[in-house]
Amino acid sequence: MFRKPLGQKEKKIMNFRKILLPAAAVLALTVGAASADAATVVHRTVHRTVVHKPNGNTVVRRNVNRTVVRRPVVRRTVVVRRPAVRRVYITRDRAFGVFRARGVRIVGTPYISGGAYIARCYDPSGRLAYCRVDPYSGAWLGISLHL
């Protein structure tokens, strides 16, 4: 429980630990920071080399002998002119034929809305719905909504 009194040798070791080791650490950090500040810093790019010297001088050298491979930048604007031909809609009679071929009964006449012929119709199971046909090709687009 009680410590035995320290001898002369142990006192010297304790003084060394308390005083000299922290001082040595501070000295090492100071020397390391000063040497980092005193270093020559070199920045190299393709076109030039910049050297920052410890005395504050800056030297800029152009890289004349270094060959730089550059690919040409090609910027072209291509204008595609389309002929001024309007697409032709199919007739309402053709739309009627598509509806009848699918086995649906039409109520009213087909009209174009949202890029399709739409007609109110009864589907094959007898429910009231909206049916759609493509106005350009006459393709069946399906039954969109059951009422």
Protein backbone atom coordinates (compact mmCIF):
# COMPACT_ATOMS: atom_id res chain seq x y z
CA MET A 1 0.00 0.00 0.00
CA PHE A 2 2.72 2.43 0.87
CA ARG A 3 5.39 3.33 -1.62
CA LYS A 4 8.92 2.90 -0.82
CA PRO A 5 10.87 6.16 -0.95
CA LEU A 6 12.56 6.91 -4.25
CA GLY A 7 16.28 6.59 -4.55
CA GLN A 8 18.62 8.98 -6.33
CA LYS A 9 18.50 7.01 -9.59
CA GLU A 10 14.70 6.95 -9.70
CA LYS A 11 14.57 10.73 -9.10
CA LYS A 12 16.82 11.34 -12.09
CA ILE A 13 14.61 9.17 -14.31
CA MET A 14 11.48 11.02 -13.15
CA ASN A 15 13.09 14.41 -13.84
CA PHE A 16 14.13 13.19 -17.29
CA ARG A 17 10.59 12.10 -18.06
CA LYS A 18 8.96 15.28 -16.76
CA ILE A 19 11.29 17.87 -18.21
CA LEU A 20 13.45 16.59 -21.03
CA LEU A 21 11.00 14.43 -23.01
CA PRO A 22 8.36 17.18 -23.52
CA ALA A 23 11.12 19.66 -24.40
CA ALA A 24 12.54 17.22 -26.95
CA ALA A 25 9.08 16.73 -28.46
CA VAL A 26 8.56 20.50 -28.80
CA LEU A 27 11.98 20.87 -30.37
CA ALA A 28 11.29 18.07 -32.88
CA LEU A 29 7.95 19.59 -33.89
CA THR A 30 9.46 23.05 -34.30
CA VAL A 31 12.32 21.77 -36.46
CA GLY A 32 9.87 19.72 -38.57
CA ALA A 33 7.59 22.72 -39.16
CA ALA A 34 10.53 24.97 -40.05
CA SER A 35 11.89 22.43 -42.50
CA ALA A 36 8.46 22.12 -44.12
CA ASP A 37 8.32 25.89 -44.57
CA ALA A 38 11.84 25.97 -46.00
CA ALA A 39 11.19 23.35 -48.69
CA THR A 40 11.11 24.21 -52.38
CA VAL A 41 7.62 23.64 -53.81
CA VAL A 42 7.30 22.68 -57.48
CA HIS A 43 4.00 22.79 -59.42
CA ARG A 44 4.16 21.10 -62.82
CA THR A 45 1.53 21.43 -65.49
CA VAL A 46 1.61 20.61 -69.19
CA HIS A 47 2.54 24.12 -70.24
CA ARG A 48 4.72 25.44 -67.43
CA THR A 49 6.60 24.66 -64.24
CA VAL A 50 6.31 27.00 -61.25
CA VAL A 51 9.01 26.77 -58.56
CA HIS A 52 8.45 28.48 -55.19
CA LYS A 53 11.82 28.86 -53.41
CA PRO A 54 12.24 29.16 -49.63
CA ASN A 55 13.56 32.72 -49.84
CA GLY A 56 10.26 33.93 -51.35
CA ASN A 57 11.32 33.95 -55.00
CA THR A 58 9.06 32.36 -57.58
CA VAL A 59 10.43 31.05 -60.87
CA VAL A 60 8.12 30.29 -63.79
CA ARG A 61 9.48 28.17 -66.63
CA ARG A 62 7.70 27.42 -69.89
CA ASN A 63 7.80 23.82 -71.01
CA VAL A 64 9.01 24.32 -74.57
CA ASN A 65 10.59 20.94 -75.25
CA ARG A 66 7.69 18.89 -73.95
CA THR A 67 5.49 17.59 -76.75
CA VAL A 68 1.80 17.89 -76.11
CA VAL A 69 -0.58 15.74 -78.10
CA ARG A 70 -3.80 17.60 -78.71
CA ARG A 71 -6.79 16.33 -80.57
CA PRO A 72 -8.62 18.86 -82.67
CA VAL A 73 -11.99 19.91 -81.30
CA VAL A 74 -14.59 19.58 -84.01
CA ARG A 75 -17.77 21.49 -83.41
CA ARG A 76 -20.32 21.16 -86.15
CA THR A 77 -23.92 22.16 -86.23
CA VAL A 78 -25.86 19.85 -88.48
CA VAL A 79 -29.24 21.10 -89.61
CA VAL A 80 -31.47 18.40 -91.00
CA ARG A 81 -34.20 19.81 -93.15
CA ARG A 82 -37.24 17.66 -93.41
CA PRO A 83 -39.61 18.02 -96.29
CA ALA A 84 -42.73 19.96 -95.44
CA VAL A 85 -45.09 17.02 -95.76
CA ARG A 86 -47.89 16.71 -93.29
CA ARG A 87 -48.85 13.32 -92.08
CA VAL A 88 -52.27 12.31 -93.26
CA TYR A 89 -55.00 11.25 -90.85
CA ILE A 90 -57.15 8.25 -91.61
CA THR A 91 -60.81 9.01 -92.24
CA ARG A 92 -63.51 8.49 -89.66
CA ASP A 93 -64.92 5.68 -91.79
CA ARG A 94 -61.63 3.81 -91.45
CA ALA A 95 -61.72 4.39 -87.66
CA PHE A 96 -65.27 2.96 -87.63
CA GLY A 97 -63.97 -0.10 -89.48
CA VAL A 98 -61.20 -0.63 -86.89
CA PHE A 99 -63.71 -0.41 -84.03
CA ARG A 100 -66.07 -2.87 -85.73
CA ALA A 101 -63.22 -5.29 -86.47
CA ARG A 102 -62.47 -5.39 -82.73
CA GLY A 103 -66.03 -6.27 -81.93
CA VAL A 104 -66.96 -3.05 -80.15
CA ARG A 105 -70.19 -1.09 -80.69
CA ILE A 106 -69.70 2.66 -81.12
CA VAL A 107 -71.90 5.30 -79.50
CA GLY A 108 -71.53 8.61 -81.37
CA THR A 109 -68.74 9.58 -83.76
CA PRO A 110 -64.98 9.28 -83.22
CA TYR A 111 -63.07 12.49 -82.46
CA ILE A 112 -59.36 13.30 -82.20
CA SER A 113 -58.07 14.05 -78.72
CA GLY A 114 -54.53 13.65 -77.35
CA GLY A 115 -53.17 12.35 -80.65
CA ALA A 116 -55.70 9.52 -81.07
CA TYR A 117 -59.20 8.91 -82.39
CA ILE A 118 -61.41 8.38 -79.35
CA ALA A 119 -64.95 7.03 -79.46
CA ARG A 120 -67.40 6.17 -76.77
CA CYS A 121 -68.27 2.53 -77.18
CA TYR A 122 -69.45 -0.70 -75.60
CA ASP A 123 -66.72 -3.27 -75.26
CA PRO A 124 -67.29 -6.96 -76.13
CA SER A 125 -68.42 -7.67 -72.56
CA GLY A 126 -71.10 -4.94 -72.78
CA ARG A 127 -69.54 -2.27 -70.56
CA LEU A 128 -69.45 1.40 -71.57
CA ALA A 129 -65.87 2.56 -72.29
CA TYR A 130 -63.63 4.84 -74.38
CA CYS A 131 -61.75 3.14 -77.22
CA ARG A 132 -58.70 4.55 -79.00
CA VAL A 133 -57.29 4.25 -82.55
CA ASP A 134 -54.06 5.74 -83.95
CA PRO A 135 -55.09 8.47 -86.43
CA TYR A 136 -52.02 7.99 -88.68
CA SER A 137 -51.76 4.22 -89.10
CA GLY A 138 -55.22 3.06 -88.03
CA ALA A 139 -53.75 0.77 -85.36
CA TRP A 140 -55.87 -0.27 -82.42
CA LEU A 141 -54.63 1.42 -79.22
CA GLY A 142 -57.04 -0.31 -76.87
CA ILE A 143 -59.79 0.46 -74.45
CA SER A 144 -58.61 3.24 -72.20
CA LEU A 145 -61.33 3.74 -69.61
CA HIS A 146 -64.33 1.73 -68.45
CA LEU A 147 -67.25 3.81 -67.26
